[in-house]
Amino acid sequence: MFIRLSAAIAAITLLSSPALAQGAKLTDPQIAHIAYTAGVIDIAAAKQALAKTHNKEVKAFAEDMVRDHEAVNKQALDLVKKLKVTPEDNDTSKTLSKNAADERTKLSKLNGAAFDKAYVENEVAYHKAVDSALETQLIPSASNAELKSLLQTGLKIFQGHEQHAEHVLATLNQSVGHHK
């Protein structure tokens, strides 16, 4: 329970940094960096899961995260090169990175079913938070039509990830119930 709560808090705080909370207008270079950072974070989490899990469903989910986030991030890099924009680090992307590193450290101390459950619970919370930030902050703040379109595509993919994570979590919770 503690891990689930801390994961949800981490996911929510990572997207309510001062830049977003004060309603400050994010620039396209900042938005691009936040979106790219969110993908990098999920790739790192998935690679950690692939190294630790023995669960077939968790492994398949993590492989999907690596594949999808790498594909979206490649599109994002291609777009910023095309637009000759340099992604700009900012308070939100820095907070995202720090909280993700803290979460990976916590997860590194877990193994087996405890790791699987904590990883997938964090993925549910993380995708909820990123989806919310995309919908309420990043997409509305984006000025460039191509960036906005890429973010909207990303949102659809990440909403799918959230549903996939919830399905895997339900499966993990069922299997825990059978072992009691």
C-alpha atoms as a PDB file:
ATOM      1  CA  MET A   1       0.000   0.000   0.000  1.00  0.00           C
ATOM      2  CA  PHE A   2       2.788   2.433   0.907  1.00  0.00           C
ATOM      3  CA  ILE A   3       4.502   1.825  -2.418  1.00  0.00           C
ATOM      4  CA  ARG A   4       1.301   2.390  -4.381  1.00  0.00           C
ATOM      5  CA  LEU A   5       0.617   5.630  -2.503  1.00  0.00           C
ATOM      6  CA  SER A   6       4.165   6.923  -2.928  1.00  0.00           C
ATOM      7  CA  ALA A   7       4.066   6.049  -6.626  1.00  0.00           C
ATOM      8  CA  ALA A   8       0.850   7.983  -7.093  1.00  0.00           C
ATOM      9  CA  ILE A   9       2.218  10.954  -5.145  1.00  0.00           C
ATOM     10  CA  ALA A  10       5.454  10.888  -7.151  1.00  0.00           C
ATOM     11  CA  ALA A  11       3.564  10.742 -10.431  1.00  0.00           C
ATOM     12  CA  ILE A  12       1.301  13.616  -9.456  1.00  0.00           C
ATOM     13  CA  THR A  13       4.030  15.839  -7.996  1.00  0.00           C
ATOM     14  CA  LEU A  14       6.216  15.327 -11.030  1.00  0.00           C
ATOM     15  CA  LEU A  15       3.664  17.127 -13.165  1.00  0.00           C
ATOM     16  CA  SER A  16       2.617  19.816 -10.723  1.00  0.00           C
ATOM     17  CA  SER A  17       5.916  21.663 -10.600  1.00  0.00           C
ATOM     18  CA  PRO A  18       5.911  25.445 -10.233  1.00  0.00           C
ATOM     19  CA  ALA A  19       5.983  25.954 -14.024  1.00  0.00           C
ATOM     20  CA  LEU A  20       2.675  24.122 -14.452  1.00  0.00           C
ATOM     21  CA  ALA A  21       1.094  25.009 -11.128  1.00  0.00           C
ATOM     22  CA  GLN A  22       1.412  28.775 -11.586  1.00  0.00           C
ATOM     23  CA  GLY A  23      -0.190  28.580 -14.998  1.00  0.00           C
ATOM     24  CA  ALA A  24       2.964  29.970 -16.586  1.00  0.00           C
ATOM     25  CA  LYS A  25       2.832  29.627 -20.358  1.00  0.00           C
ATOM     26  CA  LEU A  26       5.200  26.914 -21.442  1.00  0.00           C
ATOM     27  CA  THR A  27       7.115  27.490 -24.650  1.00  0.00           C
ATOM     28  CA  ASP A  28       7.217  24.898 -27.438  1.00  0.00           C
ATOM     29  CA  PRO A  29      10.897  24.063 -26.701  1.00  0.00           C
ATOM     30  CA  GLN A  30       9.972  23.452 -23.030  1.00  0.00           C
ATOM     31  CA  ILE A  31       6.926  21.375 -23.987  1.00  0.00           C
ATOM     32  CA  ALA A  32       9.037  19.294 -26.385  1.00  0.00           C
ATOM     33  CA  HIS A  33      11.563  18.653 -23.623  1.00  0.00           C
ATOM     34  CA  ILE A  34       8.889  17.668 -21.084  1.00  0.00           C
ATOM     35  CA  ALA A  35       7.257  15.240 -23.522  1.00  0.00           C
ATOM     36  CA  TYR A  36      10.617  13.765 -24.531  1.00  0.00           C
ATOM     37  CA  THR A  37      11.705  13.451 -20.877  1.00  0.00           C
ATOM     38  CA  ALA A  38       8.457  11.658 -19.990  1.00  0.00           C
ATOM     39  CA  GLY A  39       9.213   9.090 -22.695  1.00  0.00           C
ATOM     40  CA  VAL A  40      12.848   8.643 -21.625  1.00  0.00           C
ATOM     41  CA  ILE A  41      11.690   8.052 -18.047  1.00  0.00           C
ATOM     42  CA  ASP A  42       9.256   5.334 -19.063  1.00  0.00           C
ATOM     43  CA  ILE A  43      11.874   3.642 -21.257  1.00  0.00           C
ATOM     44  CA  ALA A  44      14.290   3.553 -18.295  1.00  0.00           C
ATOM     45  CA  ALA A  45      11.568   2.149 -16.005  1.00  0.00           C
ATOM     46  CA  ALA A  46      10.671  -0.509 -18.583  1.00  0.00           C
ATOM     47  CA  LYS A  47      14.314  -1.528 -19.025  1.00  0.00           C
ATOM     48  CA  GLN A  48      14.597  -1.893 -15.261  1.00  0.00           C
ATOM     49  CA  ALA A  49      11.486  -4.090 -15.309  1.00  0.00           C
ATOM     50  CA  LEU A  50      12.864  -6.220 -18.154  1.00  0.00           C
ATOM     51  CA  ALA A  51      16.021  -6.828 -16.139  1.00  0.00           C
ATOM     52  CA  LYS A  52      14.115  -7.810 -12.967  1.00  0.00           C
ATOM     53  CA  THR A  53      10.781  -9.409 -13.852  1.00  0.00           C
ATOM     54  CA  HIS A  54      10.047 -13.076 -14.469  1.00  0.00           C
ATOM     55  CA  ASN A  55       6.359 -12.379 -15.109  1.00  0.00           C
ATOM     56  CA  LYS A  56       5.326 -12.885 -18.753  1.00  0.00           C
ATOM     57  CA  GLU A  57       2.670 -10.137 -18.741  1.00  0.00           C
ATOM     58  CA  VAL A  58       4.889  -7.592 -17.002  1.00  0.00           C
ATOM     59  CA  LYS A  59       7.662  -8.380 -19.481  1.00  0.00           C
ATOM     60  CA  ALA A  60       5.322  -7.953 -22.478  1.00  0.00           C
ATOM     61  CA  PHE A  61       4.052  -4.658 -21.046  1.00  0.00           C
ATOM     62  CA  ALA A  62       7.604  -3.362 -20.479  1.00  0.00           C
ATOM     63  CA  GLU A  63       8.598  -4.351 -24.034  1.00  0.00           C
ATOM     64  CA  ASP A  64       5.602  -2.359 -25.345  1.00  0.00           C
ATOM     65  CA  MET A  65       6.694   0.660 -23.277  1.00  0.00           C
ATOM     66  CA  VAL A  66      10.217   0.580 -24.730  1.00  0.00           C
ATOM     67  CA  ARG A  67       8.982   0.145 -28.308  1.00  0.00           C
ATOM     68  CA  ASP A  68       6.240   2.791 -28.168  1.00  0.00           C
ATOM     69  CA  HIS A  69       8.123   5.458 -26.230  1.00  0.00           C
ATOM     70  CA  GLU A  70      11.247   5.064 -28.383  1.00  0.00           C
ATOM     71  CA  ALA A  71       9.079   5.464 -31.516  1.00  0.00           C
ATOM     72  CA  VAL A  72       7.327   8.602 -30.196  1.00  0.00           C
ATOM     73  CA  ASN A  73      10.611  10.086 -28.979  1.00  0.00           C
ATOM     74  CA  LYS A  74      12.176   9.490 -32.398  1.00  0.00           C
ATOM     75  CA  GLN A  75       9.254  11.392 -33.965  1.00  0.00           C
ATOM     76  CA  ALA A  76       9.728  14.171 -31.410  1.00  0.00           C
ATOM     77  CA  LEU A  77      13.459  14.455 -32.186  1.00  0.00           C
ATOM     78  CA  ASP A  78      12.759  14.450 -35.919  1.00  0.00           C
ATOM     79  CA  LEU A  79      10.200  17.224 -35.440  1.00  0.00           C
ATOM     80  CA  VAL A  80      12.438  19.480 -33.343  1.00  0.00           C
ATOM     81  CA  LYS A  81      15.246  19.051 -35.912  1.00  0.00           C
ATOM     82  CA  LYS A  82      12.842  19.896 -38.746  1.00  0.00           C
ATOM     83  CA  LEU A  83      11.600  22.970 -36.878  1.00  0.00           C
ATOM     84  CA  LYS A  84      15.168  23.882 -35.865  1.00  0.00           C
ATOM     85  CA  VAL A  85      14.055  24.062 -32.242  1.00  0.00           C
ATOM     86  CA  THR A  86      16.285  23.096 -29.334  1.00  0.00           C
ATOM     87  CA  PRO A  87      14.348  21.288 -26.564  1.00  0.00           C
ATOM     88  CA  GLU A  88      14.717  23.341 -23.407  1.00  0.00           C
ATOM     89  CA  ASP A  89      15.248  21.845 -19.962  1.00  0.00           C
ATOM     90  CA  ASN A  90      12.953  23.407 -17.377  1.00  0.00           C
ATOM     91  CA  ASP A  91      11.635  22.981 -13.838  1.00  0.00           C
ATOM     92  CA  THR A  92       9.015  20.443 -14.922  1.00  0.00           C
ATOM     93  CA  SER A  93      11.407  18.207 -16.864  1.00  0.00           C
ATOM     94  CA  LYS A  94      13.977  18.416 -14.031  1.00  0.00           C
ATOM     95  CA  THR A  95      11.328  17.437 -11.457  1.00  0.00           C
ATOM     96  CA  LEU A  96      10.178  14.579 -13.698  1.00  0.00           C
ATOM     97  CA  SER A  97      13.734  13.243 -13.955  1.00  0.00           C
ATOM     98  CA  LYS A  98      14.478  13.530 -10.230  1.00  0.00           C
ATOM     99  CA  ASN A  99      11.246  11.812  -9.156  1.00  0.00           C
ATOM    100  CA  ALA A 100      11.765   9.052 -11.718  1.00  0.00           C
ATOM    101  CA  ALA A 101      15.296   8.399 -10.441  1.00  0.00           C
ATOM    102  CA  ASP A 102      13.938   8.198  -6.878  1.00  0.00           C
ATOM    103  CA  GLU A 103      11.242   5.741  -8.009  1.00  0.00           C
ATOM    104  CA  ARG A 104      13.783   3.529  -9.835  1.00  0.00           C
ATOM    105  CA  THR A 105      15.907   3.465  -6.662  1.00  0.00           C
ATOM    106  CA  LYS A 106      12.877   2.325  -4.623  1.00  0.00           C
ATOM    107  CA  LEU A 107      11.991  -0.330  -7.192  1.00  0.00           C
ATOM    108  CA  SER A 108      15.577  -1.597  -7.357  1.00  0.00           C
ATOM    109  CA  LYS A 109      15.206  -2.816  -3.748  1.00  0.00           C
ATOM    110  CA  LEU A 110      12.224  -5.031  -4.622  1.00  0.00           C
ATOM    111  CA  ASN A 111      12.124  -8.419  -6.323  1.00  0.00           C
ATOM    112  CA  GLY A 112       9.635 -10.950  -7.640  1.00  0.00           C
ATOM    113  CA  ALA A 113       5.929 -10.281  -7.252  1.00  0.00           C
ATOM    114  CA  ALA A 114       6.560  -7.241  -5.010  1.00  0.00           C
ATOM    115  CA  PHE A 115       8.629  -5.611  -7.775  1.00  0.00           C
ATOM    116  CA  ASP A 116       6.104  -6.501 -10.478  1.00  0.00           C
ATOM    117  CA  LYS A 117       3.198  -5.025  -8.516  1.00  0.00           C
ATOM    118  CA  ALA A 118       5.072  -1.837  -7.541  1.00  0.00           C
ATOM    119  CA  TYR A 119       6.339  -1.307 -11.108  1.00  0.00           C
ATOM    120  CA  VAL A 120       2.894  -1.735 -12.680  1.00  0.00           C
ATOM    121  CA  GLU A 121       1.167   0.373 -10.001  1.00  0.00           C
ATOM    122  CA  ASN A 122       3.659   3.145 -10.703  1.00  0.00           C
ATOM    123  CA  GLU A 123       3.039   2.789 -14.445  1.00  0.00           C
ATOM    124  CA  VAL A 124      -0.711   3.245 -13.906  1.00  0.00           C
ATOM    125  CA  ALA A 125      -0.148   6.361 -11.767  1.00  0.00           C
ATOM    126  CA  TYR A 126       2.560   7.712 -14.092  1.00  0.00           C
ATOM    127  CA  HIS A 127       0.454   7.355 -17.233  1.00  0.00           C
ATOM    128  CA  LYS A 128      -2.570   8.927 -15.508  1.00  0.00           C
ATOM    129  CA  ALA A 129      -0.430  11.929 -14.536  1.00  0.00           C
ATOM    130  CA  VAL A 130       1.231  12.261 -17.955  1.00  0.00           C
ATOM    131  CA  ASP A 131      -2.119  11.883 -19.749  1.00  0.00           C
ATOM    132  CA  SER A 132      -3.607  14.599 -17.539  1.00  0.00           C
ATOM    133  CA  ALA A 133      -0.647  16.933 -18.130  1.00  0.00           C
ATOM    134  CA  LEU A 134      -0.826  16.364 -21.887  1.00  0.00           C
ATOM    135  CA  GLU A 135      -4.566  17.092 -21.964  1.00  0.00           C
ATOM    136  CA  THR A 136      -4.702  20.047 -19.588  1.00  0.00           C
ATOM    137  CA  GLN A 137      -1.302  21.722 -19.975  1.00  0.00           C
ATOM    138  CA  LEU A 138       0.994  20.595 -22.775  1.00  0.00           C
ATOM    139  CA  ILE A 139      -1.419  20.259 -25.720  1.00  0.00           C
ATOM    140  CA  PRO A 140      -3.294  23.519 -24.955  1.00  0.00           C
ATOM    141  CA  SER A 141       0.032  25.376 -24.466  1.00  0.00           C
ATOM    142  CA  ALA A 142       1.672  24.145 -27.686  1.00  0.00           C
ATOM    143  CA  SER A 143       1.774  26.841 -30.378  1.00  0.00           C
ATOM    144  CA  ASN A 144       3.149  24.810 -33.277  1.00  0.00           C
ATOM    145  CA  ALA A 145       0.502  22.716 -35.059  1.00  0.00           C
ATOM    146  CA  GLU A 146       2.899  19.805 -35.738  1.00  0.00           C
ATOM    147  CA  LEU A 147       4.008  19.692 -32.098  1.00  0.00           C
ATOM    148  CA  LYS A 148       0.358  19.795 -30.968  1.00  0.00           C
ATOM    149  CA  SER A 149      -0.456  16.941 -33.375  1.00  0.00           C
ATOM    150  CA  LEU A 150       2.471  14.844 -32.106  1.00  0.00           C
ATOM    151  CA  LEU A 151       1.365  15.427 -28.504  1.00  0.00           C
ATOM    152  CA  GLN A 152      -2.203  14.388 -29.403  1.00  0.00           C
ATOM    153  CA  THR A 153      -0.867  11.183 -30.989  1.00  0.00           C
ATOM    154  CA  GLY A 154       1.259  10.607 -27.898  1.00  0.00           C
ATOM    155  CA  LEU A 155      -1.782  11.102 -25.683  1.00  0.00           C
ATOM    156  CA  LYS A 156      -3.716   8.376 -27.531  1.00  0.00           C
ATOM    157  CA  ILE A 157      -0.772   5.973 -27.186  1.00  0.00           C
ATOM    158  CA  PHE A 158      -0.252   6.806 -23.496  1.00  0.00           C
ATOM    159  CA  GLN A 159      -3.971   6.378 -22.748  1.00  0.00           C
ATOM    160  CA  GLY A 160      -3.628   2.906 -24.265  1.00  0.00           C
ATOM    161  CA  HIS A 161      -0.623   2.292 -22.011  1.00  0.00           C
ATOM    162  CA  GLU A 162      -2.640   3.353 -18.970  1.00  0.00           C
ATOM    163  CA  GLN A 163      -5.375   0.834 -19.853  1.00  0.00           C
ATOM    164  CA  HIS A 164      -2.768  -1.885 -20.534  1.00  0.00           C
ATOM    165  CA  ALA A 165      -1.098  -1.183 -17.169  1.00  0.00           C
ATOM    166  CA  GLU A 166      -4.469  -1.366 -15.394  1.00  0.00           C
ATOM    167  CA  HIS A 167      -5.149  -4.733 -17.077  1.00  0.00           C
ATOM    168  CA  VAL A 168      -1.744  -6.119 -16.038  1.00  0.00           C
ATOM    169  CA  LEU A 169      -2.286  -4.817 -12.499  1.00  0.00           C
ATOM    170  CA  ALA A 170      -5.691  -6.534 -12.315  1.00  0.00           C
ATOM    171  CA  THR A 171      -4.041  -9.781 -13.477  1.00  0.00           C
ATOM    172  CA  LEU A 172      -1.299  -9.434 -10.847  1.00  0.00           C
ATOM    173  CA  ASN A 173      -3.874  -8.721  -8.140  1.00  0.00           C
ATOM    174  CA  GLN A 174      -5.865 -11.835  -9.185  1.00  0.00           C
ATOM    175  CA  SER A 175      -2.805 -14.064  -9.082  1.00  0.00           C
ATOM    176  CA  VAL A 176      -1.921 -12.720  -5.607  1.00  0.00           C
ATOM    177  CA  GLY A 177      -5.474 -13.548  -4.513  1.00  0.00           C
ATOM    178  CA  HIS A 178      -5.068 -17.152  -5.719  1.00  0.00           C
ATOM    179  CA  HIS A 179      -1.904 -17.652  -3.660  1.00  0.00           C
ATOM    180  CA  LYS A 180      -3.453 -16.607  -0.348  1.00  0.00           C
END
